[in-house]
């Protein structure tokens, strides 16, 4: 079972993910924004003080998971196609 976790206190995070990857994606930008190239990803905007959030199964999910948290900064999820 594969899992990855990134916790960033200050700064931006850009994740390049293959378009056919299947996993559980959890992402939170406490004081920032989240953008995604994946049309299937729904980004929830929390109350203005709580930032933005993603909790989704990408391409049906699977056993793998990725957790991304940025306290002060933005997250960009980039669909990387070979």
C-alpha atoms as a PDB file:
ATOM      1  CA  UNK A   1       0.000   0.000   0.000  1.00  0.00           C
ATOM      2  CA  UNK A   2       1.475   3.329  -1.081  1.00  0.00           C
ATOM      3  CA  UNK A   3       0.957   6.586   0.774  1.00  0.00           C
ATOM      4  CA  UNK A   4       2.541  10.015   0.635  1.00  0.00           C
ATOM      5  CA  UNK A   5       2.213  12.972   2.964  1.00  0.00           C
ATOM      6  CA  UNK A   6       3.401  16.563   2.686  1.00  0.00           C
ATOM      7  CA  UNK A   7       3.034  19.207   5.392  1.00  0.00           C
ATOM      8  CA  UNK A   8       4.146  22.726   4.458  1.00  0.00           C
ATOM      9  CA  UNK A   9       4.105  25.540   7.032  1.00  0.00           C
ATOM     10  CA  UNK A  10       4.780  28.420   4.604  1.00  0.00           C
ATOM     11  CA  UNK A  11       5.040  28.299   0.841  1.00  0.00           C
ATOM     12  CA  UNK A  12       3.311  26.862  -2.179  1.00  0.00           C
ATOM     13  CA  UNK A  13       3.061  23.200  -3.164  1.00  0.00           C
ATOM     14  CA  UNK A  14       2.710  21.856  -6.706  1.00  0.00           C
ATOM     15  CA  UNK A  15       1.958  18.129  -7.134  1.00  0.00           C
ATOM     16  CA  UNK A  16       2.391  16.511 -10.571  1.00  0.00           C
ATOM     17  CA  UNK A  17       0.121  13.454 -10.782  1.00  0.00           C
ATOM     18  CA  UNK A  18      -0.311  11.069 -13.743  1.00  0.00           C
ATOM     19  CA  UNK A  19      -3.759  11.402 -15.296  1.00  0.00           C
ATOM     20  CA  UNK A  20      -4.514   7.698 -14.809  1.00  0.00           C
ATOM     21  CA  UNK A  21      -3.385   7.490 -11.155  1.00  0.00           C
ATOM     22  CA  UNK A  22      -5.975   6.030  -8.758  1.00  0.00           C
ATOM     23  CA  UNK A  23      -5.793   6.980  -5.072  1.00  0.00           C
ATOM     24  CA  UNK A  24      -7.486   8.801  -2.189  1.00  0.00           C
ATOM     25  CA  UNK A  25      -6.524  12.482  -2.213  1.00  0.00           C
ATOM     26  CA  UNK A  26      -6.825  14.660   0.882  1.00  0.00           C
ATOM     27  CA  UNK A  27      -5.619  18.240   0.557  1.00  0.00           C
ATOM     28  CA  UNK A  28      -6.082  21.318   2.720  1.00  0.00           C
ATOM     29  CA  UNK A  29      -4.862  24.890   2.282  1.00  0.00           C
ATOM     30  CA  UNK A  30      -5.645  26.577   5.595  1.00  0.00           C
ATOM     31  CA  UNK A  31      -4.770  30.121   4.497  1.00  0.00           C
ATOM     32  CA  UNK A  32      -4.545  29.788   0.727  1.00  0.00           C
ATOM     33  CA  UNK A  33      -6.178  28.374  -2.371  1.00  0.00           C
ATOM     34  CA  UNK A  34      -6.282  25.032  -4.169  1.00  0.00           C
ATOM     35  CA  UNK A  35      -6.334  24.672  -7.969  1.00  0.00           C
ATOM     36  CA  UNK A  36      -6.526  21.431  -9.963  1.00  0.00           C
ATOM     37  CA  UNK A  37      -6.186  20.356 -13.598  1.00  0.00           C
ATOM     38  CA  UNK A  38      -8.354  17.284 -12.878  1.00  0.00           C
ATOM     39  CA  UNK A  39     -11.963  18.023 -13.832  1.00  0.00           C
ATOM     40  CA  UNK A  40     -13.175  15.216 -11.541  1.00  0.00           C
ATOM     41  CA  UNK A  41     -11.795  16.891  -8.400  1.00  0.00           C
ATOM     42  CA  UNK A  42     -14.244  18.995  -6.420  1.00  0.00           C
ATOM     43  CA  UNK A  43     -12.643  21.707  -4.318  1.00  0.00           C
ATOM     44  CA  UNK A  44     -14.622  22.751  -1.247  1.00  0.00           C
ATOM     45  CA  UNK A  45     -14.213  26.315  -0.102  1.00  0.00           C
ATOM     46  CA  UNK A  46     -14.550  26.368   3.655  1.00  0.00           C
ATOM     47  CA  UNK A  47     -15.432  29.426   5.703  1.00  0.00           C
ATOM     48  CA  UNK A  48     -13.164  32.339   4.837  1.00  0.00           C
ATOM     49  CA  UNK A  49     -10.982  31.658   7.865  1.00  0.00           C
ATOM     50  CA  UNK A  50     -10.655  27.920   7.158  1.00  0.00           C
ATOM     51  CA  UNK A  51      -9.316  27.949   3.563  1.00  0.00           C
ATOM     52  CA  UNK A  52      -9.984  25.235   0.964  1.00  0.00           C
ATOM     53  CA  UNK A  53     -10.255  21.461   1.097  1.00  0.00           C
ATOM     54  CA  UNK A  54     -10.249  18.345  -1.140  1.00  0.00           C
ATOM     55  CA  UNK A  55     -11.359  14.867  -0.032  1.00  0.00           C
ATOM     56  CA  UNK A  56     -11.863  12.679  -3.105  1.00  0.00           C
ATOM     57  CA  UNK A  57     -11.165   9.328  -4.712  1.00  0.00           C
ATOM     58  CA  UNK A  58      -9.238  10.059  -7.898  1.00  0.00           C
ATOM     59  CA  UNK A  59     -10.049   7.647 -10.750  1.00  0.00           C
ATOM     60  CA  UNK A  60     -12.023   5.400  -8.412  1.00  0.00           C
ATOM     61  CA  UNK A  61      -9.549   5.457  -5.537  1.00  0.00           C
ATOM     62  CA  UNK A  62      -7.597   2.344  -4.724  1.00  0.00           C
ATOM     63  CA  UNK A  63      -5.346   1.419  -1.832  1.00  0.00           C
ATOM     64  CA  UNK A  64      -2.970   4.359  -2.263  1.00  0.00           C
ATOM     65  CA  UNK A  65      -3.426   7.709  -0.532  1.00  0.00           C
ATOM     66  CA  UNK A  66      -1.914  11.184  -0.673  1.00  0.00           C
ATOM     67  CA  UNK A  67      -2.301  13.781   2.081  1.00  0.00           C
ATOM     68  CA  UNK A  68      -1.262  17.369   1.439  1.00  0.00           C
ATOM     69  CA  UNK A  69      -1.513  20.200   3.944  1.00  0.00           C
ATOM     70  CA  UNK A  70      -0.328  23.776   3.484  1.00  0.00           C
ATOM     71  CA  UNK A  71      -0.827  26.215   6.358  1.00  0.00           C
ATOM     72  CA  UNK A  72       0.206  29.480   4.630  1.00  0.00           C
ATOM     73  CA  UNK A  73       0.259  29.123   0.833  1.00  0.00           C
ATOM     74  CA  UNK A  74      -1.410  27.570  -2.180  1.00  0.00           C
ATOM     75  CA  UNK A  75      -1.726  24.039  -3.577  1.00  0.00           C
ATOM     76  CA  UNK A  76      -1.756  23.240  -7.287  1.00  0.00           C
ATOM     77  CA  UNK A  77      -2.652  19.720  -8.472  1.00  0.00           C
ATOM     78  CA  UNK A  78      -1.222  19.281 -11.982  1.00  0.00           C
ATOM     79  CA  UNK A  79      -2.340  16.481 -14.300  1.00  0.00           C
ATOM     80  CA  UNK A  80       0.883  15.156 -15.794  1.00  0.00           C
ATOM     81  CA  UNK A  81       0.416  13.131 -18.977  1.00  0.00           C
ATOM     82  CA  UNK A  82       3.393  11.311 -20.467  1.00  0.00           C
END
